[in-house]
C-alpha cells in the first residue's frame, strides 16, 4: 500500500497477511492479521475478526480490528450493500464492546465511504489524542475539544477492482466535517475536533482490505 497526503501513514507499507474464514450458508466468519514495514520497524500491522451475511443481492458485515503501528487502537467497521450499492463506515466508537465500553474518540476516529460498482467517494479522518477538556462552540452544544485536532481528513474519489484500490482527493475541512464532526454531532453526541489547516493532495494505491479504511 502506498499513501501520500495523510500525516499518520505517508509512504509505502510493505508486508503480507493471512486470513482464515469459514462459510456456513450465507454467513462467513473470518479472522486474520497482517504484518508490514511502514514508518516503524517491520512488525504486526493489524489483526481483525469479522462476520458477514450475503445472499447475493443484499448483505452486511461487521469487523473489529486492532491497529498496532502508529497510534495503537481498536476500531470497528460496519458495511451494508444492496445490489451494486455499498456503504462502509469505520469508527472507534463501533469497537466499544471490546474496550470495556470506554469511548476514546481519537486517532482513526471516523471513515465513511459510499461505493457503486467499483466507483467510490469517501473520507477518513485521523486526529490527535484528547484530554477530555472542551471549549465552547457555536456549532456543537457539546463543545470542541480544547487540544484535539484533525491532522488529516481527505475527501476523495476512487475505484476498486480485482482486490486493488485507488483513492485520490484533497485534505480539507469539508472532509473533516463529512467524515467526523457532522456524523458525531448527529449520532454520537460528542464534541467536535478542530479542523486542520491543510490542503494537501491525498492518494492511496494498494490492496482493497475489508477490515480497514485507513
N, C-alpha and C. Protein backbone atom coordinates (compact mmCIF):
# COMPACT_ATOMS: atom_id res chain seq x y z
N UNK A 1 0.85 -1.20 0.00
CA UNK A 1 0.00 0.00 0.00
C UNK A 1 0.89 1.24 0.00
N UNK A 2 0.60 2.19 -0.89
CA UNK A 2 1.29 3.48 -0.91
C UNK A 2 0.29 4.58 -0.61
N UNK A 3 0.65 5.48 0.31
CA UNK A 3 -0.22 6.58 0.70
C UNK A 3 0.56 7.88 0.69
N UNK A 4 -0.05 8.94 0.20
CA UNK A 4 0.52 10.28 0.26
C UNK A 4 -0.57 11.26 0.68
N UNK A 5 -0.22 12.23 1.52
CA UNK A 5 -1.17 13.25 1.94
C UNK A 5 -1.95 12.89 3.19
N UNK A 6 -1.46 11.91 3.96
CA UNK A 6 -2.07 11.56 5.24
C UNK A 6 -0.94 11.43 6.26
N UNK A 7 -0.84 12.40 7.16
CA UNK A 7 0.34 12.55 8.01
C UNK A 7 0.69 11.31 8.80
N UNK A 8 -0.31 10.51 9.15
CA UNK A 8 -0.05 9.36 10.01
C UNK A 8 0.51 8.15 9.28
N UNK A 9 0.37 8.08 7.94
CA UNK A 9 0.72 6.85 7.23
C UNK A 9 1.31 7.10 5.84
N UNK A 10 1.99 8.22 5.64
CA UNK A 10 2.60 8.51 4.35
C UNK A 10 3.68 7.48 4.02
N UNK A 11 3.82 7.18 2.73
CA UNK A 11 4.85 6.29 2.26
C UNK A 11 4.33 4.89 1.97
N UNK A 12 5.26 3.95 1.80
CA UNK A 12 4.92 2.57 1.46
C UNK A 12 4.71 1.74 2.72
N UNK A 13 3.73 0.84 2.65
CA UNK A 13 3.57 -0.21 3.66
C UNK A 13 3.75 -1.53 2.95
N UNK A 14 4.87 -2.20 3.19
CA UNK A 14 5.19 -3.44 2.52
C UNK A 14 5.09 -4.59 3.51
N UNK A 15 4.38 -5.65 3.15
CA UNK A 15 4.24 -6.76 4.07
C UNK A 15 3.34 -7.84 3.51
N UNK A 16 2.77 -8.63 4.40
CA UNK A 16 1.90 -9.73 4.00
C UNK A 16 0.91 -10.01 5.12
N UNK A 17 -0.15 -10.72 4.77
CA UNK A 17 -1.16 -11.05 5.77
C UNK A 17 -1.75 -12.42 5.53
N UNK A 18 -2.49 -12.89 6.51
CA UNK A 18 -3.15 -14.18 6.41
C UNK A 18 -4.57 -14.05 6.94
N UNK A 19 -5.53 -14.68 6.26
CA UNK A 19 -6.93 -14.67 6.67
C UNK A 19 -7.47 -16.09 6.71
N UNK A 20 -8.15 -16.43 7.79
CA UNK A 20 -8.84 -17.71 7.92
C UNK A 20 -10.34 -17.44 7.93
N UNK A 21 -11.11 -18.21 7.18
CA UNK A 21 -12.55 -17.97 7.11
C UNK A 21 -13.32 -19.28 7.01
N UNK A 22 -14.56 -19.24 7.46
CA UNK A 22 -15.48 -20.38 7.38
C UNK A 22 -16.84 -19.87 6.95
N UNK A 23 -17.38 -20.44 5.89
CA UNK A 23 -18.68 -20.03 5.36
C UNK A 23 -19.72 -21.10 5.68
N UNK A 24 -20.84 -20.67 6.26
CA UNK A 24 -21.97 -21.54 6.56
C UNK A 24 -23.22 -20.89 5.98
N UNK A 25 -23.78 -21.50 4.94
CA UNK A 25 -24.90 -20.91 4.22
C UNK A 25 -24.52 -19.51 3.72
N UNK A 26 -25.24 -18.48 4.16
CA UNK A 26 -24.95 -17.11 3.72
C UNK A 26 -24.04 -16.36 4.68
N UNK A 27 -23.53 -17.06 5.69
CA UNK A 27 -22.71 -16.42 6.71
C UNK A 27 -21.25 -16.81 6.55
N UNK A 28 -20.37 -15.82 6.72
CA UNK A 28 -18.93 -16.08 6.69
C UNK A 28 -18.29 -15.49 7.95
N UNK A 29 -17.50 -16.30 8.64
CA UNK A 29 -16.78 -15.86 9.82
C UNK A 29 -15.28 -15.84 9.47
N UNK A 30 -14.61 -14.76 9.80
CA UNK A 30 -13.21 -14.63 9.40
C UNK A 30 -12.39 -13.97 10.50
N UNK A 31 -11.10 -14.27 10.48
CA UNK A 31 -10.14 -13.61 11.35
C UNK A 31 -8.79 -13.66 10.66
N UNK A 32 -7.92 -12.75 11.05
CA UNK A 32 -6.62 -12.70 10.40
C UNK A 32 -5.76 -11.59 10.94
N UNK A 33 -4.63 -11.40 10.29
CA UNK A 33 -3.70 -10.35 10.68
C UNK A 33 -2.77 -10.06 9.51
N UNK A 34 -2.13 -8.92 9.57
CA UNK A 34 -1.09 -8.61 8.60
C UNK A 34 0.12 -8.03 9.32
N UNK A 35 1.23 -8.11 8.66
CA UNK A 35 2.49 -7.55 9.15
C UNK A 35 3.10 -6.73 8.03
N UNK A 36 3.71 -5.61 8.39
CA UNK A 36 4.31 -4.79 7.35
C UNK A 36 5.37 -3.87 7.92
N UNK A 37 6.12 -3.28 7.00
CA UNK A 37 7.12 -2.28 7.32
C UNK A 37 6.59 -0.95 6.84
N UNK A 38 6.43 -0.01 7.76
CA UNK A 38 5.97 1.33 7.40
C UNK A 38 6.95 2.33 7.99
N UNK A 39 6.46 3.30 8.73
CA UNK A 39 7.33 4.31 9.33
C UNK A 39 8.09 3.72 10.52
N UNK A 40 7.56 2.65 11.11
CA UNK A 40 8.24 1.97 12.18
C UNK A 40 8.92 0.72 11.65
N UNK A 41 9.54 -0.07 12.53
CA UNK A 41 10.19 -1.30 12.10
C UNK A 41 9.14 -2.33 11.67
N UNK A 42 9.59 -3.36 10.95
CA UNK A 42 8.68 -4.41 10.49
C UNK A 42 8.05 -5.10 11.70
N UNK A 43 6.75 -5.29 11.65
CA UNK A 43 6.07 -5.93 12.77
C UNK A 43 4.59 -6.04 12.50
N UNK A 44 3.85 -6.42 13.53
CA UNK A 44 2.41 -6.58 13.41
C UNK A 44 1.77 -5.27 12.98
N UNK A 45 0.89 -5.35 11.98
CA UNK A 45 0.21 -4.16 11.49
C UNK A 45 -1.21 -4.06 12.01
N UNK A 46 -2.03 -5.07 11.64
CA UNK A 46 -3.44 -5.08 12.03
C UNK A 46 -3.88 -6.52 12.28
N UNK A 47 -4.70 -6.72 13.29
CA UNK A 47 -5.40 -8.00 13.47
C UNK A 47 -6.89 -7.72 13.45
N UNK A 48 -7.69 -8.72 13.07
CA UNK A 48 -9.12 -8.45 12.88
C UNK A 48 -9.92 -9.73 13.02
N UNK A 49 -11.21 -9.55 13.26
CA UNK A 49 -12.19 -10.64 13.22
C UNK A 49 -13.49 -10.05 12.68
N UNK A 50 -14.22 -10.84 11.90
CA UNK A 50 -15.43 -10.29 11.30
C UNK A 50 -16.47 -11.34 11.02
N UNK A 51 -17.68 -10.87 10.80
CA UNK A 51 -18.81 -11.71 10.42
C UNK A 51 -19.53 -11.03 9.27
N UNK A 52 -19.89 -11.81 8.25
CA UNK A 52 -20.52 -11.28 7.04
C UNK A 52 -21.75 -12.10 6.68
N UNK A 53 -22.82 -11.41 6.31
CA UNK A 53 -24.00 -12.06 5.74
C UNK A 53 -24.18 -11.53 4.32
N UNK A 54 -24.38 -12.42 3.38
CA UNK A 54 -24.55 -12.00 1.98
C UNK A 54 -25.39 -13.04 1.24
N UNK A 55 -26.54 -12.61 0.71
CA UNK A 55 -27.37 -13.54 -0.06
C UNK A 55 -27.25 -13.26 -1.56
N UNK A 56 -26.26 -12.41 -1.93
CA UNK A 56 -26.06 -12.07 -3.33
C UNK A 56 -26.63 -10.72 -3.69
N UNK A 57 -27.87 -10.46 -3.29
CA UNK A 57 -28.49 -9.17 -3.60
C UNK A 57 -28.24 -8.14 -2.50
N UNK A 58 -28.30 -8.57 -1.26
CA UNK A 58 -28.06 -7.64 -0.16
C UNK A 58 -27.25 -8.35 0.93
N UNK A 59 -26.64 -7.57 1.78
CA UNK A 59 -25.83 -8.17 2.83
C UNK A 59 -25.22 -7.10 3.72
N UNK A 60 -24.46 -7.56 4.68
CA UNK A 60 -23.81 -6.66 5.61
C UNK A 60 -22.69 -7.37 6.34
N UNK A 61 -21.83 -6.60 6.98
CA UNK A 61 -20.72 -7.20 7.72
C UNK A 61 -20.33 -6.29 8.88
N UNK A 62 -19.66 -6.91 9.84
CA UNK A 62 -19.08 -6.16 10.96
C UNK A 62 -17.69 -6.72 11.24
N UNK A 63 -16.71 -5.83 11.29
CA UNK A 63 -15.34 -6.20 11.63
C UNK A 63 -14.89 -5.39 12.84
N UNK A 64 -14.15 -6.02 13.71
CA UNK A 64 -13.43 -5.30 14.75
C UNK A 64 -11.94 -5.53 14.47
N UNK A 65 -11.16 -4.46 14.52
CA UNK A 65 -9.75 -4.57 14.20
C UNK A 65 -8.90 -3.87 15.26
N UNK A 66 -7.66 -4.28 15.32
CA UNK A 66 -6.71 -3.65 16.23
C UNK A 66 -5.50 -3.20 15.43
N UNK A 67 -5.18 -1.91 15.52
CA UNK A 67 -4.01 -1.35 14.85
C UNK A 67 -2.83 -1.36 15.82
N UNK A 68 -1.69 -1.85 15.34
CA UNK A 68 -0.50 -1.95 16.18
C UNK A 68 0.55 -0.90 15.85
N UNK A 69 0.60 -0.45 14.60
CA UNK A 69 1.59 0.53 14.21
C UNK A 69 0.98 1.92 14.22
N UNK A 70 1.84 2.93 14.36
CA UNK A 70 1.32 4.28 14.55
C UNK A 70 0.72 4.37 15.94
N UNK A 71 -0.44 4.98 16.06
CA UNK A 71 -1.13 5.06 17.35
C UNK A 71 -2.00 3.82 17.50
N UNK A 72 -1.73 3.00 18.52
CA UNK A 72 -2.45 1.75 18.72
C UNK A 72 -3.89 2.02 19.15
N UNK A 73 -4.82 1.25 18.59
CA UNK A 73 -6.21 1.40 18.99
C UNK A 73 -7.06 0.27 18.43
N UNK A 74 -8.25 0.14 19.00
CA UNK A 74 -9.28 -0.74 18.48
C UNK A 74 -10.28 0.09 17.68
N UNK A 75 -10.80 -0.50 16.60
CA UNK A 75 -11.79 0.19 15.78
C UNK A 75 -12.78 -0.84 15.25
N UNK A 76 -13.91 -0.36 14.73
CA UNK A 76 -14.92 -1.25 14.17
C UNK A 76 -15.41 -0.75 12.83
N UNK A 77 -15.82 -1.67 11.95
CA UNK A 77 -16.33 -1.32 10.62
C UNK A 77 -17.67 -1.99 10.39
N UNK A 78 -18.65 -1.22 9.98
CA UNK A 78 -19.95 -1.73 9.55
C UNK A 78 -20.09 -1.47 8.06
N UNK A 79 -20.50 -2.50 7.31
CA UNK A 79 -20.68 -2.38 5.87
C UNK A 79 -22.03 -2.95 5.48
N UNK A 80 -22.78 -2.23 4.63
CA UNK A 80 -24.07 -2.68 4.13
C UNK A 80 -24.09 -2.54 2.62
N UNK A 81 -24.73 -3.51 1.95
CA UNK A 81 -24.83 -3.37 0.49
C UNK A 81 -26.18 -3.86 0.00
N UNK A 82 -26.62 -3.25 -1.08
CA UNK A 82 -27.83 -3.64 -1.81
C UNK A 82 -27.48 -3.61 -3.29
N UNK A 83 -27.48 -4.79 -3.90
CA UNK A 83 -27.02 -4.92 -5.28
C UNK A 83 -25.63 -4.32 -5.42
N UNK A 84 -25.44 -3.32 -6.29
CA UNK A 84 -24.12 -2.74 -6.53
C UNK A 84 -23.82 -1.53 -5.64
N UNK A 85 -24.76 -1.19 -4.78
CA UNK A 85 -24.58 -0.04 -3.89
C UNK A 85 -24.07 -0.52 -2.54
N UNK A 86 -23.03 0.13 -2.01
CA UNK A 86 -22.42 -0.26 -0.74
C UNK A 86 -22.02 0.97 0.06
N UNK A 87 -22.20 0.90 1.37
CA UNK A 87 -21.74 1.94 2.26
C UNK A 87 -20.89 1.31 3.36
N UNK A 88 -19.71 1.86 3.59
CA UNK A 88 -18.79 1.39 4.62
C UNK A 88 -18.57 2.50 5.64
N UNK A 89 -18.58 2.15 6.91
CA UNK A 89 -18.38 3.14 7.97
C UNK A 89 -17.48 2.55 9.04
N UNK A 90 -16.34 3.22 9.29
CA UNK A 90 -15.42 2.80 10.35
C UNK A 90 -15.36 3.88 11.41
N UNK A 91 -15.40 3.44 12.68
CA UNK A 91 -15.33 4.39 13.79
C UNK A 91 -14.83 3.65 15.02
N UNK A 92 -13.99 4.30 15.81
CA UNK A 92 -13.53 3.65 17.03
C UNK A 92 -14.67 3.43 18.02
N UNK A 93 -15.74 4.22 17.91
CA UNK A 93 -16.90 4.02 18.79
C UNK A 93 -17.56 2.66 18.52
N UNK A 94 -17.45 2.14 17.29
CA UNK A 94 -18.06 0.86 16.95
C UNK A 94 -17.35 -0.32 17.61
N UNK A 95 -16.21 -0.07 18.23
CA UNK A 95 -15.47 -1.14 18.92
C UNK A 95 -15.66 -1.09 20.43
N UNK A 96 -16.57 -0.25 20.92
CA UNK A 96 -16.71 -0.08 22.36
C UNK A 96 -17.04 -1.37 23.12
N UNK A 97 -17.75 -2.37 22.54
CA UNK A 97 -17.94 -3.62 23.29
C UNK A 97 -16.62 -4.33 23.63
N UNK A 98 -15.56 -4.00 22.90
CA UNK A 98 -14.27 -4.65 23.11
C UNK A 98 -13.29 -3.75 23.87
N UNK A 99 -13.73 -2.57 24.26
CA UNK A 99 -12.88 -1.65 25.04
C UNK A 99 -13.45 -1.43 26.44
N UNK A 100 -14.35 -2.32 26.86
CA UNK A 100 -14.99 -2.12 28.16
C UNK A 100 -16.00 -0.99 28.12
N UNK A 101 -16.52 -0.69 26.91
CA UNK A 101 -17.48 0.39 26.66
C UNK A 101 -16.90 1.76 27.02
N UNK A 102 -15.57 1.87 26.92
CA UNK A 102 -14.92 3.17 27.03
C UNK A 102 -14.87 3.81 25.65
N UNK A 103 -15.21 5.09 25.57
CA UNK A 103 -15.19 5.83 24.31
C UNK A 103 -13.98 6.75 24.32
N UNK A 104 -13.03 6.48 23.42
CA UNK A 104 -11.79 7.25 23.40
C UNK A 104 -11.83 8.40 22.39
N UNK A 105 -12.48 8.19 21.23
CA UNK A 105 -12.66 9.26 20.24
C UNK A 105 -11.32 9.92 19.91
N UNK A 106 -10.43 9.18 19.28
CA UNK A 106 -9.12 9.71 18.95
C UNK A 106 -8.50 8.89 17.81
N UNK A 107 -7.42 9.44 17.24
CA UNK A 107 -6.66 8.79 16.18
C UNK A 107 -7.54 8.49 14.96
N UNK A 108 -7.80 7.22 14.66
CA UNK A 108 -8.64 6.86 13.49
C UNK A 108 -10.10 6.98 13.94
N UNK A 109 -10.60 8.20 13.95
CA UNK A 109 -11.89 8.45 14.60
C UNK A 109 -13.08 8.14 13.72
N UNK A 110 -12.96 8.29 12.40
CA UNK A 110 -14.13 8.04 11.56
C UNK A 110 -13.71 7.96 10.09
N UNK A 111 -14.35 7.04 9.36
CA UNK A 111 -14.17 6.93 7.92
C UNK A 111 -15.50 6.53 7.31
N UNK A 112 -15.84 7.15 6.22
CA UNK A 112 -17.11 6.90 5.54
C UNK A 112 -16.84 6.78 4.05
N UNK A 113 -17.42 5.74 3.44
CA UNK A 113 -17.21 5.51 2.01
C UNK A 113 -18.49 4.95 1.39
N UNK A 114 -18.88 5.53 0.26
CA UNK A 114 -20.04 5.08 -0.50
C UNK A 114 -19.55 4.58 -1.85
N UNK A 115 -19.94 3.37 -2.20
CA UNK A 115 -19.49 2.77 -3.45
C UNK A 115 -20.68 2.38 -4.33
N UNK A 116 -20.48 2.51 -5.62
CA UNK A 116 -21.41 1.98 -6.62
C UNK A 116 -20.59 1.24 -7.65
N UNK A 117 -20.80 -0.07 -7.70
CA UNK A 117 -19.94 -0.93 -8.51
C UNK A 117 -18.50 -0.70 -8.05
N UNK A 118 -17.59 -0.32 -8.92
CA UNK A 118 -16.21 -0.10 -8.47
C UNK A 118 -15.92 1.32 -8.06
N UNK A 119 -16.83 2.26 -8.32
CA UNK A 119 -16.58 3.67 -8.07
C UNK A 119 -16.94 4.03 -6.63
N UNK A 120 -16.27 5.03 -6.09
CA UNK A 120 -16.49 5.39 -4.69
C UNK A 120 -16.22 6.87 -4.44
N UNK A 121 -16.81 7.35 -3.35
CA UNK A 121 -16.50 8.65 -2.79
C UNK A 121 -16.43 8.45 -1.27
N UNK A 122 -15.47 9.11 -0.61
CA UNK A 122 -15.35 8.87 0.82
C UNK A 122 -14.41 9.82 1.51
N UNK A 123 -14.20 9.56 2.78
CA UNK A 123 -13.28 10.33 3.60
C UNK A 123 -12.83 9.46 4.76
N UNK A 124 -11.64 9.71 5.27
CA UNK A 124 -11.20 9.11 6.53
C UNK A 124 -10.45 10.15 7.34
N UNK A 125 -10.74 10.20 8.62
CA UNK A 125 -10.24 11.28 9.48
C UNK A 125 -9.30 10.70 10.54
N UNK A 126 -8.16 11.35 10.69
CA UNK A 126 -7.18 10.97 11.72
C UNK A 126 -6.96 12.19 12.60
N UNK A 127 -6.99 11.98 13.92
CA UNK A 127 -6.89 13.09 14.86
C UNK A 127 -5.78 12.86 15.87
N UNK A 128 -5.48 13.90 16.62
CA UNK A 128 -4.59 13.77 17.77
C UNK A 128 -5.36 13.14 18.93
N UNK A 129 -4.67 12.87 20.01
CA UNK A 129 -5.32 12.42 21.24
C UNK A 129 -6.02 13.62 21.88
N UNK A 130 -6.88 13.36 22.85
CA UNK A 130 -7.61 14.41 23.54
C UNK A 130 -7.42 14.23 25.05
N UNK A 131 -7.62 15.31 25.81
CA UNK A 131 -7.55 15.19 27.27
C UNK A 131 -8.93 15.33 27.92
N UNK A 132 -9.98 15.37 27.07
CA UNK A 132 -11.34 15.44 27.60
C UNK A 132 -11.84 16.84 27.90
N UNK A 133 -10.94 17.83 27.88
CA UNK A 133 -11.33 19.21 28.16
C UNK A 133 -11.91 19.83 26.90
N UNK A 134 -13.02 20.53 27.01
CA UNK A 134 -13.66 21.14 25.85
C UNK A 134 -13.78 22.65 26.00
N UNK A 135 -13.94 23.31 24.87
CA UNK A 135 -14.17 24.74 24.82
C UNK A 135 -15.55 24.96 24.21
N UNK A 136 -16.07 26.16 24.35
CA UNK A 136 -17.38 26.47 23.79
C UNK A 136 -17.35 26.44 22.27
N UNK A 137 -18.47 26.05 21.68
CA UNK A 137 -18.61 26.02 20.24
C UNK A 137 -20.00 26.48 19.87
N UNK A 138 -20.10 27.36 18.87
CA UNK A 138 -21.41 27.81 18.39
C UNK A 138 -22.08 26.75 17.52
N UNK A 139 -21.30 25.76 17.06
CA UNK A 139 -21.83 24.74 16.15
C UNK A 139 -22.26 23.47 16.86
N UNK A 140 -21.74 23.24 18.07
CA UNK A 140 -21.98 21.98 18.77
C UNK A 140 -22.21 22.27 20.24
N UNK A 141 -23.36 21.86 20.76
CA UNK A 141 -23.68 22.12 22.16
C UNK A 141 -22.74 21.39 23.12
N UNK A 142 -22.08 20.31 22.63
CA UNK A 142 -21.12 19.58 23.46
C UNK A 142 -19.75 20.26 23.45
N UNK A 143 -19.58 21.27 22.61
CA UNK A 143 -18.32 22.00 22.56
C UNK A 143 -17.33 21.43 21.55
N UNK A 144 -16.08 21.88 21.66
CA UNK A 144 -15.00 21.42 20.79
C UNK A 144 -13.82 21.06 21.69
N UNK A 145 -13.14 19.96 21.37
CA UNK A 145 -12.02 19.54 22.18
C UNK A 145 -10.96 20.65 22.22
N UNK A 146 -10.48 20.96 23.41
CA UNK A 146 -9.52 22.04 23.54
C UNK A 146 -8.19 21.69 22.90
N UNK A 147 -7.74 20.44 23.05
CA UNK A 147 -6.45 20.03 22.50
C UNK A 147 -6.58 19.11 21.30
N UNK A 148 -7.79 18.63 21.00
CA UNK A 148 -7.96 17.68 19.90
C UNK A 148 -8.09 18.38 18.56
N UNK A 149 -7.36 17.91 17.56
CA UNK A 149 -7.47 18.48 16.23
C UNK A 149 -7.31 17.39 15.17
N UNK A 150 -7.85 17.64 14.01
CA UNK A 150 -7.71 16.72 12.88
C UNK A 150 -6.36 16.97 12.21
N UNK A 151 -5.61 15.89 11.95
CA UNK A 151 -4.32 16.04 11.28
C UNK A 151 -4.36 15.55 9.84
N UNK A 152 -5.42 14.85 9.46
CA UNK A 152 -5.69 14.56 8.05
C UNK A 152 -7.17 14.21 7.92
N UNK A 153 -7.77 14.68 6.84
CA UNK A 153 -9.20 14.39 6.59
C UNK A 153 -9.47 14.50 5.10
N UNK A 154 -8.91 13.59 4.31
CA UNK A 154 -9.10 13.69 2.86
C UNK A 154 -10.53 13.37 2.44
N UNK A 155 -11.03 14.15 1.51
CA UNK A 155 -12.26 13.85 0.80
C UNK A 155 -11.84 13.37 -0.58
N UNK A 156 -12.21 12.14 -0.95
CA UNK A 156 -11.63 11.53 -2.14
C UNK A 156 -12.67 10.82 -3.00
N UNK A 157 -12.27 10.56 -4.24
CA UNK A 157 -12.98 9.65 -5.13
C UNK A 157 -12.02 8.50 -5.42
N UNK A 158 -12.56 7.41 -5.94
CA UNK A 158 -11.67 6.28 -6.20
C UNK A 158 -12.33 5.19 -7.00
N UNK A 159 -11.57 4.13 -7.19
CA UNK A 159 -12.07 2.98 -7.95
C UNK A 159 -11.41 1.72 -7.41
N UNK A 160 -12.19 0.64 -7.29
CA UNK A 160 -11.68 -0.64 -6.82
C UNK A 160 -12.04 -1.74 -7.81
N UNK A 161 -11.09 -2.62 -8.08
CA UNK A 161 -11.34 -3.75 -8.98
C UNK A 161 -10.32 -4.84 -8.70
N UNK A 162 -10.77 -6.10 -8.77
CA UNK A 162 -9.89 -7.26 -8.62
C UNK A 162 -9.04 -7.19 -7.35
N UNK A 163 -9.62 -6.69 -6.26
CA UNK A 163 -8.92 -6.66 -4.98
C UNK A 163 -7.94 -5.51 -4.83
N UNK A 164 -7.88 -4.60 -5.81
CA UNK A 164 -6.99 -3.44 -5.74
C UNK A 164 -7.82 -2.17 -5.66
N UNK A 165 -7.21 -1.10 -5.12
CA UNK A 165 -7.96 0.14 -4.91
C UNK A 165 -7.08 1.35 -5.19
N UNK A 166 -7.71 2.39 -5.73
CA UNK A 166 -7.08 3.70 -5.91
C UNK A 166 -8.00 4.75 -5.31
N UNK A 167 -7.45 5.56 -4.41
CA UNK A 167 -8.19 6.69 -3.84
C UNK A 167 -7.39 7.97 -4.12
N UNK A 168 -8.10 9.03 -4.52
CA UNK A 168 -7.43 10.30 -4.81
C UNK A 168 -8.34 11.45 -4.41
N UNK A 169 -7.78 12.43 -3.69
CA UNK A 169 -8.59 13.56 -3.28
C UNK A 169 -7.77 14.67 -2.66
N UNK A 170 -8.42 15.42 -1.76
CA UNK A 170 -7.81 16.61 -1.16
C UNK A 170 -8.14 16.67 0.32
N UNK A 171 -7.11 16.90 1.13
CA UNK A 171 -7.33 17.14 2.56
C UNK A 171 -7.97 18.50 2.75
N UNK A 172 -9.07 18.55 3.51
CA UNK A 172 -9.76 19.82 3.72
C UNK A 172 -10.71 19.70 4.90
N UNK A 173 -11.21 20.85 5.35
CA UNK A 173 -12.17 20.85 6.45
C UNK A 173 -13.49 20.21 6.03
N UNK A 174 -13.82 20.21 4.73
CA UNK A 174 -15.04 19.56 4.26
C UNK A 174 -14.99 18.07 4.55
N UNK A 175 -13.83 17.45 4.29
CA UNK A 175 -13.67 16.04 4.63
C UNK A 175 -13.76 15.82 6.12
N UNK A 176 -13.22 16.74 6.91
CA UNK A 176 -13.29 16.64 8.36
C UNK A 176 -14.70 16.76 8.89
N UNK A 177 -15.54 17.56 8.24
CA UNK A 177 -16.94 17.69 8.66
C UNK A 177 -17.75 16.47 8.24
N UNK A 178 -17.58 16.05 6.97
CA UNK A 178 -18.37 14.92 6.46
C UNK A 178 -17.98 13.62 7.15
N UNK A 179 -16.69 13.44 7.43
CA UNK A 179 -16.23 12.18 7.98
C UNK A 179 -16.17 12.12 9.48
N UNK A 180 -16.21 13.26 10.17
CA UNK A 180 -16.06 13.24 11.62
C UNK A 180 -17.11 14.10 12.34
N UNK A 181 -16.96 15.41 12.29
CA UNK A 181 -17.78 16.28 13.14
C UNK A 181 -19.27 16.17 12.84
N UNK A 182 -19.64 16.12 11.56
CA UNK A 182 -21.05 16.03 11.21
C UNK A 182 -21.70 14.75 11.71
N UNK A 183 -21.04 13.61 11.46
CA UNK A 183 -21.57 12.31 11.92
C UNK A 183 -21.68 12.27 13.43
N UNK A 184 -20.64 12.74 14.11
CA UNK A 184 -20.63 12.61 15.57
C UNK A 184 -21.65 13.53 16.23
N UNK A 185 -21.90 14.69 15.67
CA UNK A 185 -22.96 15.55 16.22
C UNK A 185 -24.31 14.86 16.10
N UNK A 186 -24.56 14.24 14.94
CA UNK A 186 -25.89 13.69 14.66
C UNK A 186 -26.17 12.39 15.39
N UNK A 187 -25.15 11.53 15.52
CA UNK A 187 -25.42 10.18 16.02
C UNK A 187 -24.78 9.84 17.36
N UNK A 188 -23.65 10.47 17.69
CA UNK A 188 -22.92 10.06 18.88
C UNK A 188 -22.85 11.14 19.96
N UNK A 189 -23.31 12.35 19.64
CA UNK A 189 -23.39 13.43 20.62
C UNK A 189 -22.05 13.66 21.33
N UNK A 190 -20.98 13.75 20.56
CA UNK A 190 -19.65 14.00 21.10
C UNK A 190 -19.16 15.38 20.63
N UNK A 191 -18.16 15.94 21.31
CA UNK A 191 -17.63 17.25 20.90
C UNK A 191 -16.97 17.18 19.52
N UNK A 192 -16.77 18.35 18.92
CA UNK A 192 -16.07 18.45 17.65
C UNK A 192 -14.56 18.41 17.86
N UNK A 193 -13.85 18.10 16.77
CA UNK A 193 -12.42 18.30 16.70
C UNK A 193 -12.15 19.58 15.91
N UNK A 194 -11.10 20.30 16.28
CA UNK A 194 -10.67 21.45 15.48
C UNK A 194 -10.27 20.96 14.09
N UNK A 195 -10.66 21.70 13.06
CA UNK A 195 -10.26 21.36 11.70
C UNK A 195 -8.78 21.66 11.53
N UNK A 196 -8.11 20.86 10.69
CA UNK A 196 -6.72 21.11 10.37
C UNK A 196 -6.59 22.21 9.33
N UNK A 197 -5.47 22.89 9.32
CA UNK A 197 -5.24 23.97 8.36
C UNK A 197 -4.44 23.50 7.17
N UNK A 198 -4.87 22.41 6.53
CA UNK A 198 -4.11 21.81 5.45
C UNK A 198 -4.94 21.74 4.18
N UNK A 199 -4.26 21.66 3.03
CA UNK A 199 -4.94 21.47 1.75
C UNK A 199 -4.07 20.62 0.82
N UNK A 200 -3.42 19.57 1.40
CA UNK A 200 -2.57 18.71 0.60
C UNK A 200 -3.41 17.73 -0.22
N UNK A 201 -2.84 17.30 -1.34
CA UNK A 201 -3.46 16.25 -2.12
C UNK A 201 -3.32 14.92 -1.38
N UNK A 202 -4.25 14.02 -1.62
CA UNK A 202 -4.25 12.70 -0.99
C UNK A 202 -4.32 11.64 -2.08
N UNK A 203 -3.50 10.60 -1.93
CA UNK A 203 -3.56 9.47 -2.87
C UNK A 203 -3.22 8.19 -2.12
N UNK A 204 -3.93 7.12 -2.46
CA UNK A 204 -3.67 5.81 -1.87
C UNK A 204 -3.87 4.74 -2.93
N UNK A 205 -2.88 3.87 -3.06
CA UNK A 205 -2.91 2.80 -4.06
C UNK A 205 -2.48 1.51 -3.37
N UNK A 206 -3.24 0.44 -3.57
CA UNK A 206 -2.83 -0.83 -2.97
C UNK A 206 -3.94 -1.84 -2.95
N UNK A 207 -3.92 -2.71 -1.94
CA UNK A 207 -4.89 -3.80 -1.79
C UNK A 207 -6.14 -3.27 -1.10
N UNK A 208 -7.29 -3.66 -1.62
CA UNK A 208 -8.58 -3.28 -1.04
C UNK A 208 -8.90 -4.24 0.10
N UNK A 209 -8.76 -3.77 1.35
CA UNK A 209 -8.94 -4.64 2.52
C UNK A 209 -10.29 -4.36 3.19
N UNK A 210 -11.07 -5.39 3.48
CA UNK A 210 -12.38 -5.17 4.09
C UNK A 210 -12.31 -4.80 5.57
N UNK A 211 -11.15 -4.99 6.20
CA UNK A 211 -11.03 -4.78 7.65
C UNK A 211 -10.37 -3.46 8.04
N UNK A 212 -10.08 -2.60 7.07
CA UNK A 212 -9.56 -1.27 7.39
C UNK A 212 -9.90 -0.31 6.27
N UNK A 213 -10.17 0.95 6.64
CA UNK A 213 -10.40 2.02 5.67
C UNK A 213 -9.29 3.05 5.75
N UNK A 214 -8.16 2.68 6.36
CA UNK A 214 -7.01 3.59 6.50
C UNK A 214 -5.79 3.03 5.81
